[in-house]
């Protein structure tokens, strides 16, 4: 387990404001796509938090996770007396707690579509997940191209094209960076690792996501990790 300390200046500011500091429990940044989503959202929208990183596939991993949640999975957000597990629930909770940060798009129709594509990512794309697991440090050109993965890639491209053309008036799926972009950031990581060819407009979007400061910070910290999981030697 690794515990990331909060910046002392920020900590003092929060204490003076009388606010407690939430804790986000995550797994290895190189591998954990589920952890990446709320972490990127919190960093992107300047929501201060304390980070606890648990290592996957260790003898004590299950016991360490059980200290924070009975679900057996991370991420988990600890905020006061409550624990919120599941990346989508965490992001929804954050959007409610910080309405001024506009984590979801402002327009009703855009917000509904953003929630829909996040729910689809959350519950689907099993072919892509199983054939192209996230490994930010790895490079696997041409691998993982099962029929199921290819169908999922086509669906992701369809979603990106529709959102960018209908709502993406700036750089991201719904104009400004939102929870939706945070949810698809791990897909961008997979497309980079497995060198999935994209149409120029979609490749440009993927690059914008990769270069977003919150995503770039996650990538840098993932590259600095030393752990190698058995399936990624």
Protein backbone atom coordinates (compact mmCIF):
# COMPACT_ATOMS: atom_id res chain seq x y z
CA UNK A 1 0.00 0.00 0.00
CA UNK A 2 1.22 3.48 -0.85
CA UNK A 3 -0.27 6.59 0.72
CA UNK A 4 0.20 9.84 -1.18
CA UNK A 5 0.52 12.86 1.08
CA UNK A 6 -1.43 16.00 0.36
CA UNK A 7 0.36 19.22 -0.42
CA UNK A 8 0.88 20.94 3.00
CA UNK A 9 -0.38 24.30 1.74
CA UNK A 10 -3.57 22.75 0.39
CA UNK A 11 -4.02 20.76 3.57
CA UNK A 12 -3.76 23.91 5.68
CA UNK A 13 -6.23 25.70 3.41
CA UNK A 14 -8.75 22.91 3.79
CA UNK A 15 -8.33 22.83 7.55
CA UNK A 16 -8.93 26.56 7.78
CA UNK A 17 -12.06 26.18 5.69
CA UNK A 18 -13.29 23.47 8.04
CA UNK A 19 -13.47 20.83 5.33
CA UNK A 20 -12.44 17.23 5.70
CA UNK A 21 -10.40 15.64 2.97
CA UNK A 22 -11.83 12.71 0.99
CA UNK A 23 -9.63 9.70 0.30
CA UNK A 24 -9.60 7.89 -3.03
CA UNK A 25 -8.43 4.28 -2.81
CA UNK A 26 -7.08 3.05 -6.14
CA UNK A 27 -4.95 0.26 -7.62
CA UNK A 28 -1.81 0.29 -9.79
CA UNK A 29 -1.98 3.22 -12.18
CA UNK A 30 -0.45 1.24 -15.01
CA UNK A 31 -3.21 -1.36 -15.00
CA UNK A 32 -6.33 -0.12 -13.23
CA UNK A 33 -8.69 1.50 -15.73
CA UNK A 34 -11.47 1.58 -13.14
CA UNK A 35 -9.28 3.60 -10.79
CA UNK A 36 -8.17 5.95 -13.55
CA UNK A 37 -11.64 7.34 -14.23
CA UNK A 38 -12.49 9.00 -10.89
CA UNK A 39 -8.86 9.94 -10.23
CA UNK A 40 -8.63 11.81 -13.54
CA UNK A 41 -11.99 13.47 -12.89
CA UNK A 42 -10.92 14.67 -9.44
CA UNK A 43 -7.60 16.00 -10.66
CA UNK A 44 -9.11 17.59 -13.77
CA UNK A 45 -11.69 19.48 -11.72
CA UNK A 46 -9.35 20.47 -8.90
CA UNK A 47 -11.13 18.42 -6.26
CA UNK A 48 -8.58 17.87 -3.47
CA UNK A 49 -8.20 14.35 -2.12
CA UNK A 50 -5.82 12.01 -0.41
CA UNK A 51 -4.72 8.99 -2.45
CA UNK A 52 -4.20 5.46 -1.20
CA UNK A 53 -2.74 3.08 -3.78
CA UNK A 54 -3.14 -0.66 -3.29
CA UNK A 55 -1.13 -3.15 -5.32
CA UNK A 56 -2.98 -5.74 -7.36
CA UNK A 57 -2.20 -9.46 -7.36
CA UNK A 58 -0.41 -9.47 -4.02
CA UNK A 59 -0.96 -11.98 -1.23
CA UNK A 60 -2.61 -9.30 0.89
CA UNK A 61 -4.53 -7.45 -1.85
CA UNK A 62 -7.95 -8.79 -0.87
CA UNK A 63 -7.32 -8.06 2.80
CA UNK A 64 -6.14 -4.53 2.04
CA UNK A 65 -9.20 -3.79 -0.10
CA UNK A 66 -11.45 -5.22 2.63
CA UNK A 67 -10.18 -2.50 4.96
CA UNK A 68 -12.04 0.04 2.83
CA UNK A 69 -14.97 -1.78 1.19
CA UNK A 70 -16.84 -5.05 1.27
CA UNK A 71 -17.21 -4.99 -2.52
CA UNK A 72 -13.77 -6.52 -3.00
CA UNK A 73 -12.88 -3.94 -5.63
CA UNK A 74 -11.37 -0.50 -6.02
CA UNK A 75 -11.75 2.41 -6.55
CA UNK A 76 -13.43 3.51 -3.35
CA UNK A 77 -14.01 7.09 -2.24
CA UNK A 78 -14.06 7.65 1.51
CA UNK A 79 -15.78 10.89 2.42
CA UNK A 80 -16.51 11.44 6.07
CA UNK A 81 -18.49 8.50 7.37
CA UNK A 82 -19.43 7.06 4.00
CA UNK A 83 -17.64 4.89 1.45
CA UNK A 84 -18.67 5.14 -2.19
CA UNK A 85 -17.48 2.29 -4.37
CA UNK A 86 -17.67 1.91 -8.13
CA UNK A 87 -16.21 4.51 -10.48
CA UNK A 88 -19.52 5.73 -11.90
CA UNK A 89 -21.09 6.17 -8.47
CA UNK A 90 -18.01 8.06 -7.31
CA UNK A 91 -18.19 10.45 -10.24
CA UNK A 92 -21.92 11.02 -9.78
CA UNK A 93 -21.33 11.74 -6.10
CA UNK A 94 -18.57 14.22 -6.93
CA UNK A 95 -20.78 15.99 -9.45
CA UNK A 96 -23.40 16.45 -6.75
CA UNK A 97 -20.89 17.59 -4.14
CA UNK A 98 -19.21 20.09 -6.48
CA UNK A 99 -21.97 21.45 -8.74
CA UNK A 100 -19.94 24.59 -9.44
CA UNK A 101 -17.21 22.50 -11.11
CA UNK A 102 -19.58 21.27 -13.88
CA UNK A 103 -18.29 17.71 -14.09
CA UNK A 104 -21.22 16.89 -16.39
CA UNK A 105 -22.19 18.99 -19.45
CA UNK A 106 -24.49 21.91 -18.68
CA UNK A 107 -27.05 21.22 -21.43
CA UNK A 108 -29.78 18.75 -20.50
CA UNK A 109 -29.54 16.79 -23.74
CA UNK A 110 -25.75 16.66 -23.65
CA UNK A 111 -25.78 15.60 -20.01
CA UNK A 112 -28.21 12.78 -20.76
CA UNK A 113 -26.05 11.48 -23.61
CA UNK A 114 -22.90 11.83 -21.51
CA UNK A 115 -24.46 9.72 -18.77
CA UNK A 116 -25.59 7.19 -21.37
CA UNK A 117 -22.15 6.70 -22.90
CA UNK A 118 -20.57 6.45 -19.44
CA UNK A 119 -23.11 3.81 -18.45
CA UNK A 120 -22.39 1.93 -21.68
CA UNK A 121 -18.65 2.03 -20.99
CA UNK A 122 -19.28 1.00 -17.41
CA UNK A 123 -21.37 -2.06 -18.23
CA UNK A 124 -20.20 -3.07 -21.70
CA UNK A 125 -17.19 -3.45 -24.00
CA UNK A 126 -16.24 -6.79 -22.49
CA UNK A 127 -14.55 -7.89 -25.71
CA UNK A 128 -12.23 -4.90 -25.64
CA UNK A 129 -11.53 -5.27 -21.92
CA UNK A 130 -10.66 -8.96 -22.13
CA UNK A 131 -8.55 -8.82 -25.31
CA UNK A 132 -6.85 -5.47 -24.71
CA UNK A 133 -6.36 -4.98 -20.99
CA UNK A 134 -4.91 -1.63 -19.96
CA UNK A 135 -1.13 -1.60 -19.71
CA UNK A 136 0.13 1.93 -20.15
CA UNK A 137 3.79 0.92 -20.21
CA UNK A 138 3.22 -1.90 -22.70
CA UNK A 139 3.15 -1.87 -26.48
CA UNK A 140 1.32 -4.68 -28.28
CA UNK A 141 0.84 -3.64 -31.92
CA UNK A 142 -1.73 -5.74 -33.72
CA UNK A 143 -2.56 -7.92 -30.71
CA UNK A 144 -5.96 -8.44 -29.18
CA UNK A 145 -7.89 -8.03 -32.41
CA UNK A 146 -10.62 -10.54 -31.66
CA UNK A 147 -13.96 -10.17 -33.41
CA UNK A 148 -15.51 -9.02 -30.14
CA UNK A 149 -12.78 -6.44 -29.54
CA UNK A 150 -13.06 -5.13 -33.10
CA UNK A 151 -16.81 -4.71 -32.66
CA UNK A 152 -16.22 -2.78 -29.44
CA UNK A 153 -13.61 -0.58 -31.13
CA UNK A 154 -16.11 0.23 -33.87
CA UNK A 155 -18.72 1.15 -31.25
CA UNK A 156 -16.30 3.41 -29.38
CA UNK A 157 -15.46 5.17 -32.64
CA UNK A 158 -19.16 5.60 -33.37
CA UNK A 159 -19.73 7.15 -29.94
CA UNK A 160 -16.80 9.51 -30.30
CA UNK A 161 -17.84 10.59 -33.80
CA UNK A 162 -21.43 11.29 -32.76
CA UNK A 163 -20.53 13.19 -29.59
CA UNK A 164 -17.79 15.25 -31.19
CA UNK A 165 -19.98 16.23 -34.13
CA UNK A 166 -23.09 16.99 -32.06
CA UNK A 167 -21.64 18.47 -28.88
CA UNK A 168 -17.85 18.73 -29.15
CA UNK A 169 -17.59 22.39 -30.02
CA UNK A 170 -14.20 22.73 -28.34
CA UNK A 171 -11.77 19.87 -27.76
CA UNK A 172 -13.66 17.08 -26.01
CA UNK A 173 -16.76 14.91 -26.37
CA UNK A 174 -19.12 17.53 -24.98
CA UNK A 175 -17.08 20.66 -25.54
CA UNK A 176 -15.22 21.06 -22.28
CA UNK A 177 -13.58 18.13 -20.50
CA UNK A 178 -16.15 16.15 -18.51
CA UNK A 179 -16.71 12.86 -16.71
CA UNK A 180 -17.37 11.34 -20.13
CA UNK A 181 -13.82 12.06 -21.29
CA UNK A 182 -12.44 10.69 -18.01
CA UNK A 183 -14.42 7.51 -18.58
CA UNK A 184 -13.01 7.01 -22.06
CA UNK A 185 -9.44 7.95 -21.11
CA UNK A 186 -8.55 4.29 -20.34
CA UNK A 187 -9.77 3.37 -23.85
CA UNK A 188 -7.36 5.95 -25.23
CA UNK A 189 -4.62 4.21 -23.23
CA UNK A 190 -5.58 0.87 -24.75
CA UNK A 191 -5.66 2.29 -28.28
CA UNK A 192 -2.14 3.65 -27.75
CA UNK A 193 -0.76 0.43 -26.28
CA UNK A 194 -2.29 -1.79 -28.98
CA UNK A 195 -1.74 0.80 -31.73
CA UNK A 196 -5.33 0.82 -32.90
CA UNK A 197 -5.65 2.90 -36.11
CA UNK A 198 -8.20 5.69 -35.90
CA UNK A 199 -9.70 8.18 -38.31
CA UNK A 200 -7.82 11.51 -38.21
CA UNK A 201 -10.48 13.37 -36.21
CA UNK A 202 -10.68 10.57 -33.65
CA UNK A 203 -6.90 10.28 -33.44
CA UNK A 204 -6.76 14.00 -32.76
CA UNK A 205 -9.35 13.60 -29.99
CA UNK A 206 -7.38 10.74 -28.46
CA UNK A 207 -4.26 12.92 -28.48
CA UNK A 208 -6.12 15.75 -26.75
CA UNK A 209 -7.24 13.34 -24.05
CA UNK A 210 -3.72 11.97 -23.65
CA UNK A 211 -2.31 15.49 -23.34
CA UNK A 212 -4.90 16.74 -20.86
CA UNK A 213 -2.96 17.65 -17.68
CA UNK A 214 -4.87 15.20 -15.46
CA UNK A 215 -4.41 12.32 -17.90
CA UNK A 216 -0.79 13.21 -18.56
CA UNK A 217 -0.12 13.17 -14.82
CA UNK A 218 -1.72 9.73 -14.45
CA UNK A 219 0.38 8.44 -17.35
CA UNK A 220 3.60 9.84 -15.85
CA UNK A 221 2.89 8.21 -12.52
CA UNK A 222 1.97 4.93 -14.22
CA UNK A 223 5.25 4.95 -16.11
CA UNK A 224 7.11 5.46 -12.84
CA UNK A 225 5.61 2.35 -11.25
CA UNK A 226 7.82 -0.72 -10.98
CA UNK A 227 5.27 -3.50 -10.45
CA UNK A 228 4.65 -5.98 -13.27
CA UNK A 229 1.54 -8.14 -13.13
CA UNK A 230 1.84 -11.79 -14.20
CA UNK A 231 -0.24 -11.26 -17.36
CA UNK A 232 1.97 -8.40 -18.53
CA UNK A 233 5.55 -9.64 -18.60
